[in-house]
């Protein structure tokens, strides 16, 4: 990624108030929370246009973050220098995944 792409990702991250290491689920929750807050149907008549612009910006930022995480690749085996417990390594990568992670109670 070039500098312009990184700046766009950083701006999207700041828009949703996400940490430097956010999961896809945290991104989705932040997007939904902001959409509920700024949806034009919830605005006063005078603010509808401004809320519509904010919604467009939110959607563009969310789509950018989703494209970024789809393209992001990470190794599926630990480095030789890394001392991971195999279960910790797996849970760090797939712990939130409903198929591969721990069952939610």
PDB file of N, CA and C in Angstrom:
ATOM      1  N   UNK A   1       0.840  -1.182   0.000  1.00  0.00           N
ATOM      2  CA  UNK A   1       0.000   0.000   0.000  1.00  0.00           C
ATOM      3  C   UNK A   1       0.881   1.241   0.000  1.00  0.00           C
ATOM      4  N   UNK A   2       0.410   2.247  -0.692  1.00  0.00           N
ATOM      5  CA  UNK A   2       1.176   3.479  -0.732  1.00  0.00           C
ATOM      6  C   UNK A   2       0.740   4.402   0.413  1.00  0.00           C
ATOM      7  N   UNK A   3       1.399   5.540   0.511  1.00  0.00           N
ATOM      8  CA  UNK A   3       1.152   6.466   1.611  1.00  0.00           C
ATOM      9  C   UNK A   3      -0.289   6.983   1.612  1.00  0.00           C
ATOM     10  N   UNK A   4      -0.819   7.249   0.427  1.00  0.00           N
ATOM     11  CA  UNK A   4      -2.198   7.752   0.326  1.00  0.00           C
ATOM     12  C   UNK A   4      -3.197   6.709   0.849  1.00  0.00           C
ATOM     13  N   UNK A   5      -2.981   5.430   0.519  1.00  0.00           N
ATOM     14  CA  UNK A   5      -3.860   4.361   0.997  1.00  0.00           C
ATOM     15  C   UNK A   5      -3.794   4.233   2.515  1.00  0.00           C
ATOM     16  N   UNK A   6      -2.573   4.309   3.058  1.00  0.00           N
ATOM     17  CA  UNK A   6      -2.413   4.221   4.513  1.00  0.00           C
ATOM     18  C   UNK A   6      -3.108   5.382   5.213  1.00  0.00           C
ATOM     19  N   UNK A   7      -3.028   6.571   4.624  1.00  0.00           N
ATOM     20  CA  UNK A   7      -3.704   7.728   5.217  1.00  0.00           C
ATOM     21  C   UNK A   7      -5.217   7.529   5.212  1.00  0.00           C
ATOM     22  N   UNK A   8      -5.747   6.967   4.135  1.00  0.00           N
ATOM     23  CA  UNK A   8      -7.184   6.709   4.059  1.00  0.00           C
ATOM     24  C   UNK A   8      -7.611   5.685   5.109  1.00  0.00           C
ATOM     25  N   UNK A   9      -6.809   4.649   5.301  1.00  0.00           N
ATOM     26  CA  UNK A   9      -7.120   3.650   6.324  1.00  0.00           C
ATOM     27  C   UNK A   9      -7.062   4.295   7.707  1.00  0.00           C
ATOM     28  N   UNK A  10      -6.063   5.124   7.945  1.00  0.00           N
ATOM     29  CA  UNK A  10      -5.925   5.805   9.235  1.00  0.00           C
ATOM     30  C   UNK A  10      -7.115   6.725   9.495  1.00  0.00           C
ATOM     31  N   UNK A  11      -7.559   7.450   8.488  1.00  0.00           N
ATOM     32  CA  UNK A  11      -8.717   8.333   8.647  1.00  0.00           C
ATOM     33  C   UNK A  11      -9.984   7.523   8.938  1.00  0.00           C
ATOM     34  N   UNK A  12     -10.144   6.405   8.254  1.00  0.00           N
ATOM     35  CA  UNK A  12     -11.298   5.546   8.502  1.00  0.00           C
ATOM     36  C   UNK A  12     -11.254   4.996   9.926  1.00  0.00           C
ATOM     37  N   UNK A  13     -10.073   4.596  10.362  1.00  0.00           N
ATOM     38  CA  UNK A  13      -9.913   4.080  11.729  1.00  0.00           C
ATOM     39  C   UNK A  13     -10.283   5.138  12.759  1.00  0.00           C
ATOM     40  N   UNK A  14      -9.847   6.362  12.523  1.00  0.00           N
ATOM     41  CA  UNK A  14     -10.159   7.455  13.442  1.00  0.00           C
ATOM     42  C   UNK A  14     -11.643   7.817  13.405  1.00  0.00           C
ATOM     43  N   UNK A  15     -12.250   7.750  12.227  1.00  0.00           N
ATOM     44  CA  UNK A  15     -13.673   8.057  12.097  1.00  0.00           C
ATOM     45  C   UNK A  15     -14.503   7.124  12.973  1.00  0.00           C
ATOM     46  N   UNK A  16     -14.132   5.854  12.994  1.00  0.00           N
ATOM     47  CA  UNK A  16     -14.867   4.869  13.791  1.00  0.00           C
ATOM     48  C   UNK A  16     -14.317   4.723  15.204  1.00  0.00           C
ATOM     49  N   UNK A  17     -13.301   5.512  15.540  1.00  0.00           N
ATOM     50  CA  UNK A  17     -12.704   5.488  16.869  1.00  0.00           C
ATOM     51  C   UNK A  17     -12.217   4.075  17.226  1.00  0.00           C
ATOM     52  N   UNK A  18     -11.482   3.462  16.300  1.00  0.00           N
ATOM     53  CA  UNK A  18     -10.949   2.118  16.498  1.00  0.00           C
ATOM     54  C   UNK A  18      -9.501   2.189  16.960  1.00  0.00           C
ATOM     55  N   UNK A  19      -9.087   1.186  17.685  1.00  0.00           N
ATOM     56  CA  UNK A  19      -7.699   1.100  18.096  1.00  0.00           C
ATOM     57  C   UNK A  19      -6.814   0.706  16.933  1.00  0.00           C
ATOM     58  N   UNK A  20      -5.517   0.649  17.182  1.00  0.00           N
ATOM     59  CA  UNK A  20      -4.579   0.294  16.117  1.00  0.00           C
ATOM     60  C   UNK A  20      -4.715  -1.159  15.682  1.00  0.00           C
ATOM     61  N   UNK A  21      -5.260  -1.997  16.543  1.00  0.00           N
ATOM     62  CA  UNK A  21      -5.449  -3.409  16.201  1.00  0.00           C
ATOM     63  C   UNK A  21      -6.908  -3.766  16.442  1.00  0.00           C
ATOM     64  N   UNK A  22      -7.738  -3.485  15.471  1.00  0.00           N
ATOM     65  CA  UNK A  22      -9.164  -3.781  15.582  1.00  0.00           C
ATOM     66  C   UNK A  22      -9.505  -5.024  14.775  1.00  0.00           C
ATOM     67  N   UNK A  23     -10.425  -5.797  15.295  1.00  0.00           N
ATOM     68  CA  UNK A  23     -10.883  -6.980  14.573  1.00  0.00           C
ATOM     69  C   UNK A  23     -11.992  -6.585  13.603  1.00  0.00           C
ATOM     70  N   UNK A  24     -12.318  -7.485  12.700  1.00  0.00           N
ATOM     71  CA  UNK A  24     -13.407  -7.234  11.751  1.00  0.00           C
ATOM     72  C   UNK A  24     -14.718  -7.039  12.500  1.00  0.00           C
ATOM     73  N   UNK A  25     -14.917  -7.785  13.558  1.00  0.00           N
ATOM     74  CA  UNK A  25     -16.149  -7.653  14.344  1.00  0.00           C
ATOM     75  C   UNK A  25     -16.229  -6.275  15.003  1.00  0.00           C
ATOM     76  N   UNK A  26     -15.122  -5.776  15.518  1.00  0.00           N
ATOM     77  CA  UNK A  26     -15.116  -4.431  16.114  1.00  0.00           C
ATOM     78  C   UNK A  26     -15.410  -3.370  15.061  1.00  0.00           C
ATOM     79  N   UNK A  27     -14.901  -3.574  13.850  1.00  0.00           N
ATOM     80  CA  UNK A  27     -15.174  -2.631  12.764  1.00  0.00           C
ATOM     81  C   UNK A  27     -16.659  -2.625  12.415  1.00  0.00           C
ATOM     82  N   UNK A  28     -17.249  -3.808  12.340  1.00  0.00           N
ATOM     83  CA  UNK A  28     -18.678  -3.911  12.032  1.00  0.00           C
ATOM     84  C   UNK A  28     -19.523  -3.265  13.120  1.00  0.00           C
ATOM     85  N   UNK A  29     -19.176  -3.501  14.368  1.00  0.00           N
ATOM     86  CA  UNK A  29     -19.928  -2.909  15.474  1.00  0.00           C
ATOM     87  C   UNK A  29     -19.823  -1.388  15.462  1.00  0.00           C
ATOM     88  N   UNK A  30     -18.636  -0.869  15.197  1.00  0.00           N
ATOM     89  CA  UNK A  30     -18.444   0.581  15.148  1.00  0.00           C
ATOM     90  C   UNK A  30     -19.256   1.185  13.999  1.00  0.00           C
ATOM     91  N   UNK A  31     -19.250   0.513  12.854  1.00  0.00           N
ATOM     92  CA  UNK A  31     -20.014   0.993  11.697  1.00  0.00           C
ATOM     93  C   UNK A  31     -21.505   1.012  12.018  1.00  0.00           C
ATOM     94  N   UNK A  32     -22.016  -0.043  12.591  1.00  0.00           N
ATOM     95  CA  UNK A  32     -23.439  -0.104  12.933  1.00  0.00           C
ATOM     96  C   UNK A  32     -23.813   0.956  13.959  1.00  0.00           C
ATOM     97  N   UNK A  33     -22.941   1.147  14.948  1.00  0.00           N
ATOM     98  CA  UNK A  33     -23.198   2.152  15.979  1.00  0.00           C
ATOM     99  C   UNK A  33     -23.274   3.552  15.366  1.00  0.00           C
ATOM    100  N   UNK A  34     -22.339   3.862  14.471  1.00  0.00           N
ATOM    101  CA  UNK A  34     -22.326   5.183  13.839  1.00  0.00           C
ATOM    102  C   UNK A  34     -23.516   5.346  12.890  1.00  0.00           C
ATOM    103  N   UNK A  35     -23.898   4.266  12.199  1.00  0.00           N
ATOM    104  CA  UNK A  35     -25.049   4.349  11.292  1.00  0.00           C
ATOM    105  C   UNK A  35     -26.335   4.620  12.060  1.00  0.00           C
ATOM    106  N   UNK A  36     -26.486   3.999  13.207  1.00  0.00           N
ATOM    107  CA  UNK A  36     -27.672   4.256  14.025  1.00  0.00           C
ATOM    108  C   UNK A  36     -27.712   5.709  14.471  1.00  0.00           C
ATOM    109  N   UNK A  37     -26.555   6.246  14.777  1.00  0.00           N
ATOM    110  CA  UNK A  37     -26.479   7.619  15.260  1.00  0.00           C
ATOM    111  C   UNK A  37     -26.741   8.640  14.152  1.00  0.00           C
ATOM    112  N   UNK A  38     -26.244   8.376  12.931  1.00  0.00           N
ATOM    113  CA  UNK A  38     -26.289   9.374  11.865  1.00  0.00           C
ATOM    114  C   UNK A  38     -27.204   9.011  10.696  1.00  0.00           C
ATOM    115  N   UNK A  39     -28.090   8.072  10.862  1.00  0.00           N
ATOM    116  CA  UNK A  39     -28.982   7.724   9.753  1.00  0.00           C
ATOM    117  C   UNK A  39     -29.923   8.896   9.470  1.00  0.00           C
ATOM    118  N   UNK A  40     -30.091   9.273   8.198  1.00  0.00           N
ATOM    119  CA  UNK A  40     -30.938  10.427   7.846  1.00  0.00           C
ATOM    120  C   UNK A  40     -32.381  10.308   8.324  1.00  0.00           C
ATOM    121  N   UNK A  41     -32.898   9.111   8.462  1.00  0.00           N
ATOM    122  CA  UNK A  41     -34.272   8.951   8.929  1.00  0.00           C
ATOM    123  C   UNK A  41     -34.431   9.356  10.392  1.00  0.00           C
ATOM    124  N   UNK A  42     -33.348   9.401  11.133  1.00  0.00           N
ATOM    125  CA  UNK A  42     -33.403   9.778  12.544  1.00  0.00           C
ATOM    126  C   UNK A  42     -33.152  11.272  12.756  1.00  0.00           C
ATOM    127  N   UNK A  43     -32.824  11.985  11.686  1.00  0.00           N
ATOM    128  CA  UNK A  43     -32.457  13.403  11.802  1.00  0.00           C
ATOM    129  C   UNK A  43     -33.692  14.297  11.669  1.00  0.00           C
ATOM    130  N   UNK A  44     -33.545  15.497  12.209  1.00  0.00           N
ATOM    131  CA  UNK A  44     -34.555  16.530  11.989  1.00  0.00           C
ATOM    132  C   UNK A  44     -34.547  16.891  10.513  1.00  0.00           C
ATOM    133  N   UNK A  45     -35.605  17.482  10.042  1.00  0.00           N
ATOM    134  CA  UNK A  45     -35.720  17.816   8.619  1.00  0.00           C
ATOM    135  C   UNK A  45     -34.566  18.700   8.149  1.00  0.00           C
ATOM    136  N   UNK A  46     -34.112  19.630   8.968  1.00  0.00           N
ATOM    137  CA  UNK A  46     -33.037  20.547   8.590  1.00  0.00           C
ATOM    138  C   UNK A  46     -31.679  19.846   8.488  1.00  0.00           C
ATOM    139  N   UNK A  47     -31.504  18.744   9.211  1.00  0.00           N
ATOM    140  CA  UNK A  47     -30.210  18.048   9.249  1.00  0.00           C
ATOM    141  C   UNK A  47     -30.123  16.849   8.309  1.00  0.00           C
ATOM    142  N   UNK A  48     -31.181  16.538   7.598  1.00  0.00           N
ATOM    143  CA  UNK A  48     -31.198  15.329   6.765  1.00  0.00           C
ATOM    144  C   UNK A  48     -30.078  15.309   5.733  1.00  0.00           C
ATOM    145  N   UNK A  49     -29.816  16.439   5.085  1.00  0.00           N
ATOM    146  CA  UNK A  49     -28.781  16.490   4.053  1.00  0.00           C
ATOM    147  C   UNK A  49     -27.402  16.253   4.675  1.00  0.00           C
ATOM    148  N   UNK A  50     -27.131  16.865   5.813  1.00  0.00           N
ATOM    149  CA  UNK A  50     -25.845  16.698   6.490  1.00  0.00           C
ATOM    150  C   UNK A  50     -25.668  15.239   6.948  1.00  0.00           C
ATOM    151  N   UNK A  51     -26.735  14.647   7.474  1.00  0.00           N
ATOM    152  CA  UNK A  51     -26.658  13.252   7.909  1.00  0.00           C
ATOM    153  C   UNK A  51     -26.440  12.320   6.714  1.00  0.00           C
ATOM    154  N   UNK A  52     -27.047  12.637   5.580  1.00  0.00           N
ATOM    155  CA  UNK A  52     -26.850  11.815   4.375  1.00  0.00           C
ATOM    156  C   UNK A  52     -25.386  11.866   3.935  1.00  0.00           C
ATOM    157  N   UNK A  53     -24.760  13.031   4.020  1.00  0.00           N
ATOM    158  CA  UNK A  53     -23.342  13.154   3.676  1.00  0.00           C
ATOM    159  C   UNK A  53     -22.468  12.362   4.644  1.00  0.00           C
ATOM    160  N   UNK A  54     -22.817  12.414   5.919  1.00  0.00           N
ATOM    161  CA  UNK A  54     -22.068  11.656   6.925  1.00  0.00           C
ATOM    162  C   UNK A  54     -22.214  10.162   6.665  1.00  0.00           C
ATOM    163  N   UNK A  55     -23.425   9.719   6.311  1.00  0.00           N
ATOM    164  CA  UNK A  55     -23.647   8.298   6.017  1.00  0.00           C
ATOM    165  C   UNK A  55     -22.817   7.845   4.823  1.00  0.00           C
ATOM    166  N   UNK A  56     -22.719   8.693   3.803  1.00  0.00           N
ATOM    167  CA  UNK A  56     -21.891   8.347   2.637  1.00  0.00           C
ATOM    168  C   UNK A  56     -20.435   8.180   3.053  1.00  0.00           C
ATOM    169  N   UNK A  57     -19.965   9.091   3.883  1.00  0.00           N
ATOM    170  CA  UNK A  57     -18.580   9.022   4.362  1.00  0.00           C
ATOM    171  C   UNK A  57     -18.356   7.768   5.214  1.00  0.00           C
ATOM    172  N   UNK A  58     -19.324   7.449   6.077  1.00  0.00           N
ATOM    173  CA  UNK A  58     -19.219   6.248   6.905  1.00  0.00           C
ATOM    174  C   UNK A  58     -19.157   4.990   6.039  1.00  0.00           C
ATOM    175  N   UNK A  59     -20.027   4.921   5.048  1.00  0.00           N
ATOM    176  CA  UNK A  59     -20.072   3.746   4.184  1.00  0.00           C
ATOM    177  C   UNK A  59     -18.785   3.600   3.387  1.00  0.00           C
ATOM    178  N   UNK A  60     -18.278   4.688   2.842  1.00  0.00           N
ATOM    179  CA  UNK A  60     -17.014   4.633   2.098  1.00  0.00           C
ATOM    180  C   UNK A  60     -15.870   4.172   2.997  1.00  0.00           C
ATOM    181  N   UNK A  61     -15.827   4.698   4.211  1.00  0.00           N
ATOM    182  CA  UNK A  61     -14.763   4.320   5.153  1.00  0.00           C
ATOM    183  C   UNK A  61     -14.871   2.857   5.548  1.00  0.00           C
ATOM    184  N   UNK A  62     -16.088   2.405   5.797  1.00  0.00           N
ATOM    185  CA  UNK A  62     -16.292   1.005   6.173  1.00  0.00           C
ATOM    186  C   UNK A  62     -15.882   0.074   5.029  1.00  0.00           C
ATOM    187  N   UNK A  63     -16.281   0.405   3.814  1.00  0.00           N
ATOM    188  CA  UNK A  63     -15.910  -0.415   2.666  1.00  0.00           C
ATOM    189  C   UNK A  63     -14.392  -0.447   2.474  1.00  0.00           C
ATOM    190  N   UNK A  64     -13.736   0.669   2.705  1.00  0.00           N
ATOM    191  CA  UNK A  64     -12.278   0.710   2.619  1.00  0.00           C
ATOM    192  C   UNK A  64     -11.647  -0.233   3.636  1.00  0.00           C
ATOM    193  N   UNK A  65     -12.118  -0.185   4.870  1.00  0.00           N
ATOM    194  CA  UNK A  65     -11.571  -1.064   5.909  1.00  0.00           C
ATOM    195  C   UNK A  65     -11.827  -2.530   5.578  1.00  0.00           C
ATOM    196  N   UNK A  66     -13.004  -2.845   5.059  1.00  0.00           N
ATOM    197  CA  UNK A  66     -13.315  -4.227   4.713  1.00  0.00           C
ATOM    198  C   UNK A  66     -12.443  -4.714   3.545  1.00  0.00           C
ATOM    199  N   UNK A  67     -12.199  -3.846   2.559  1.00  0.00           N
ATOM    200  CA  UNK A  67     -11.292  -4.220   1.461  1.00  0.00           C
ATOM    201  C   UNK A  67      -9.882  -4.451   1.996  1.00  0.00           C
ATOM    202  N   UNK A  68      -9.470  -3.607   2.919  1.00  0.00           N
ATOM    203  CA  UNK A  68      -8.120  -3.735   3.490  1.00  0.00           C
ATOM    204  C   UNK A  68      -7.964  -5.071   4.223  1.00  0.00           C
ATOM    205  N   UNK A  69      -8.924  -5.432   5.045  1.00  0.00           N
ATOM    206  CA  UNK A  69      -8.746  -6.666   5.816  1.00  0.00           C
ATOM    207  C   UNK A  69      -8.909  -7.904   4.947  1.00  0.00           C
ATOM    208  N   UNK A  70      -9.645  -7.816   3.837  1.00  0.00           N
ATOM    209  CA  UNK A  70      -9.747  -8.963   2.923  1.00  0.00           C
ATOM    210  C   UNK A  70      -8.426  -9.203   2.205  1.00  0.00           C
ATOM    211  N   UNK A  71      -7.706  -8.139   1.909  1.00  0.00           N
ATOM    212  CA  UNK A  71      -6.439  -8.266   1.195  1.00  0.00           C
ATOM    213  C   UNK A  71      -5.285  -8.607   2.132  1.00  0.00           C
ATOM    214  N   UNK A  72      -5.444  -8.329   3.407  1.00  0.00           N
ATOM    215  CA  UNK A  72      -4.367  -8.536   4.369  1.00  0.00           C
ATOM    216  C   UNK A  72      -4.117 -10.024   4.566  1.00  0.00           C
ATOM    217  N   UNK A  73      -2.910 -10.411   4.512  1.00  0.00           N
ATOM    218  CA  UNK A  73      -2.532 -11.814   4.696  1.00  0.00           C
ATOM    219  C   UNK A  73      -1.584 -11.925   5.891  1.00  0.00           C
ATOM    220  N   UNK A  74      -1.708 -13.021   6.586  1.00  0.00           N
ATOM    221  CA  UNK A  74      -0.780 -13.295   7.672  1.00  0.00           C
ATOM    222  C   UNK A  74      -0.372 -14.758   7.589  1.00  0.00           C
ATOM    223  N   UNK A  75       0.783 -15.084   8.140  1.00  0.00           N
ATOM    224  CA  UNK A  75       1.269 -16.468   8.028  1.00  0.00           C
ATOM    225  C   UNK A  75       0.377 -17.428   8.810  1.00  0.00           C
ATOM    226  N   UNK A  76       0.194 -18.604   8.265  1.00  0.00           N
ATOM    227  CA  UNK A  76      -0.618 -19.611   8.940  1.00  0.00           C
ATOM    228  C   UNK A  76       0.232 -20.618   9.709  1.00  0.00           C
ATOM    229  N   UNK A  77       1.503 -20.292   9.861  1.00  0.00           N
ATOM    230  CA  UNK A  77       2.347 -21.079  10.748  1.00  0.00           C
ATOM    231  C   UNK A  77       3.280 -20.114  11.466  1.00  0.00           C
ATOM    232  N   UNK A  78       3.606 -20.412  12.711  1.00  0.00           N
ATOM    233  CA  UNK A  78       4.437 -19.493  13.486  1.00  0.00           C
ATOM    234  C   UNK A  78       5.873 -19.436  12.968  1.00  0.00           C
ATOM    235  N   UNK A  79       6.517 -18.303  13.210  1.00  0.00           N
ATOM    236  CA  UNK A  79       7.927 -18.166  12.869  1.00  0.00           C
ATOM    237  C   UNK A  79       8.754 -19.101  13.748  1.00  0.00           C
ATOM    238  N   UNK A  80       9.933 -19.436  13.275  1.00  0.00           N
ATOM    239  CA  UNK A  80      10.807 -20.311  14.052  1.00  0.00           C
ATOM    240  C   UNK A  80      11.248 -19.634  15.347  1.00  0.00           C
ATOM    241  N   UNK A  81      11.354 -18.302  15.323  1.00  0.00           N
ATOM    242  CA  UNK A  81      11.819 -17.561  16.492  1.00  0.00           C
ATOM    243  C   UNK A  81      10.715 -17.290  17.500  1.00  0.00           C
ATOM    244  N   UNK A  82       9.471 -17.475  17.112  1.00  0.00           N
ATOM    245  CA  UNK A  82       8.345 -17.163  17.974  1.00  0.00           C
ATOM    246  C   UNK A  82       8.012 -18.364  18.845  1.00  0.00           C
ATOM    247  N   UNK A  83       7.911 -18.123  20.131  1.00  0.00           N
ATOM    248  CA  UNK A  83       7.593 -19.198  21.063  1.00  0.00           C
ATOM    249  C   UNK A  83       6.121 -19.090  21.455  1.00  0.00           C
ATOM    250  N   UNK A  84       5.264 -19.638  20.628  1.00  0.00           N
ATOM    251  CA  UNK A  84       3.831 -19.636  20.877  1.00  0.00           C
ATOM    252  C   UNK A  84       3.385 -21.010  21.332  1.00  0.00           C
ATOM    253  N   UNK A  85       2.459 -21.009  22.261  1.00  0.00           N
ATOM    254  CA  UNK A  85       1.727 -22.223  22.531  1.00  0.00           C
ATOM    255  C   UNK A  85       0.812 -22.433  21.326  1.00  0.00           C
ATOM    256  N   UNK A  86       0.725 -23.617  20.748  1.00  0.00           N
ATOM    257  CA  UNK A  86      -0.080 -23.803  19.540  1.00  0.00           C
ATOM    258  C   UNK A  86      -1.523 -23.329  19.695  1.00  0.00           C
ATOM    259  N   UNK A  87      -2.136 -23.555  20.841  1.00  0.00           N
ATOM    260  CA  UNK A  87      -3.520 -23.117  21.035  1.00  0.00           C
ATOM    261  C   UNK A  87      -3.609 -21.592  21.093  1.00  0.00           C
ATOM    262  N   UNK A  88      -2.649 -20.932  21.748  1.00  0.00           N
ATOM    263  CA  UNK A  88      -2.627 -19.469  21.781  1.00  0.00           C
ATOM    264  C   UNK A  88      -2.450 -18.901  20.386  1.00  0.00           C
ATOM    265  N   UNK A  89      -1.560 -19.510  19.605  1.00  0.00           N
ATOM    266  CA  UNK A  89      -1.337 -19.042  18.239  1.00  0.00           C
ATOM    267  C   UNK A  89      -2.636 -19.122  17.437  1.00  0.00           C
ATOM    268  N   UNK A  90      -3.345 -20.250  17.547  1.00  0.00           N
ATOM    269  CA  UNK A  90      -4.588 -20.444  16.804  1.00  0.00           C
ATOM    270  C   UNK A  90      -5.650 -19.440  17.263  1.00  0.00           C
ATOM    271  N   UNK A  91      -5.798 -19.267  18.563  1.00  0.00           N
ATOM    272  CA  UNK A  91      -6.839 -18.383  19.085  1.00  0.00           C
ATOM    273  C   UNK A  91      -6.549 -16.922  18.758  1.00  0.00           C
ATOM    274  N   UNK A  92      -5.276 -16.524  18.679  1.00  0.00           N
ATOM    275  CA  UNK A  92      -4.927 -15.164  18.295  1.00  0.00           C
ATOM    276  C   UNK A  92      -5.396 -14.868  16.881  1.00  0.00           C
ATOM    277  N   UNK A  93      -5.409 -15.848  16.018  1.00  0.00           N
ATOM    278  CA  UNK A  93      -5.782 -15.641  14.619  1.00  0.00           C
ATOM    279  C   UNK A  93      -7.243 -15.942  14.335  1.00  0.00           C
ATOM    280  N   UNK A  94      -7.793 -16.959  14.991  1.00  0.00           N
ATOM    281  CA  UNK A  94      -9.137 -17.416  14.648  1.00  0.00           C
ATOM    282  C   UNK A  94     -10.089 -17.449  15.842  1.00  0.00           C
ATOM    283  N   UNK A  95      -9.721 -16.879  16.954  1.00  0.00           N
ATOM    284  CA  UNK A  95     -10.534 -16.966  18.164  1.00  0.00           C
ATOM    285  C   UNK A  95     -11.909 -16.364  18.036  1.00  0.00           C
ATOM    286  N   UNK A  96     -12.066 -15.314  17.229  1.00  0.00           N
ATOM    287  CA  UNK A  96     -13.365 -14.680  17.071  1.00  0.00           C
ATOM    288  C   UNK A  96     -14.193 -15.322  15.963  1.00  0.00           C
ATOM    289  N   UNK A  97     -13.595 -16.209  15.223  1.00  0.00           N
ATOM    290  CA  UNK A  97     -14.304 -16.836  14.114  1.00  0.00           C
ATOM    291  C   UNK A  97     -15.297 -17.856  14.654  1.00  0.00           C
ATOM    292  N   UNK A  98     -16.575 -17.792  14.255  1.00  0.00           N
ATOM    293  CA  UNK A  98     -17.562 -18.715  14.808  1.00  0.00           C
ATOM    294  C   UNK A  98     -17.328 -20.170  14.404  1.00  0.00           C
ATOM    295  N   UNK A  99     -16.671 -20.392  13.288  1.00  0.00           N
ATOM    296  CA  UNK A  99     -16.437 -21.759  12.842  1.00  0.00           C
ATOM    297  C   UNK A  99     -15.237 -22.382  13.549  1.00  0.00           C
ATOM    298  N   UNK A 100     -14.126 -21.625  13.639  1.00  0.00           N
ATOM    299  CA  UNK A 100     -12.884 -22.182  14.146  1.00  0.00           C
ATOM    300  C   UNK A 100     -12.593 -21.800  15.588  1.00  0.00           C
ATOM    301  N   UNK A 101     -13.221 -20.759  16.105  1.00  0.00           N
ATOM    302  CA  UNK A 101     -12.922 -20.288  17.442  1.00  0.00           C
ATOM    303  C   UNK A 101     -13.673 -21.061  18.506  1.00  0.00           C
ATOM    304  N   UNK A 102     -13.546 -20.583  19.727  1.00  0.00           N
ATOM    305  CA  UNK A 102     -14.242 -21.193  20.842  1.00  0.00           C
ATOM    306  C   UNK A 102     -15.737 -20.956  20.704  1.00  0.00           C
ATOM    307  N   UNK A 103     -16.502 -21.880  21.208  1.00  0.00           N
ATOM    308  CA  UNK A 103     -17.959 -21.750  21.178  1.00  0.00           C
ATOM    309  C   UNK A 103     -18.383 -20.693  22.186  1.00  0.00           C
ATOM    310  N   UNK A 104     -19.289 -19.808  21.766  1.00  0.00           N
ATOM    311  CA  UNK A 104     -19.808 -18.782  22.680  1.00  0.00           C
ATOM    312  C   UNK A 104     -20.931 -19.385  23.500  1.00  0.00           C
ATOM    313  N   UNK A 105     -20.960 -19.024  24.746  1.00  0.00           N
ATOM    314  CA  UNK A 105     -21.973 -19.575  25.654  1.00  0.00           C
ATOM    315  C   UNK A 105     -23.113 -18.635  25.812  1.00  0.00           C
TER     316      UNK A 105
END
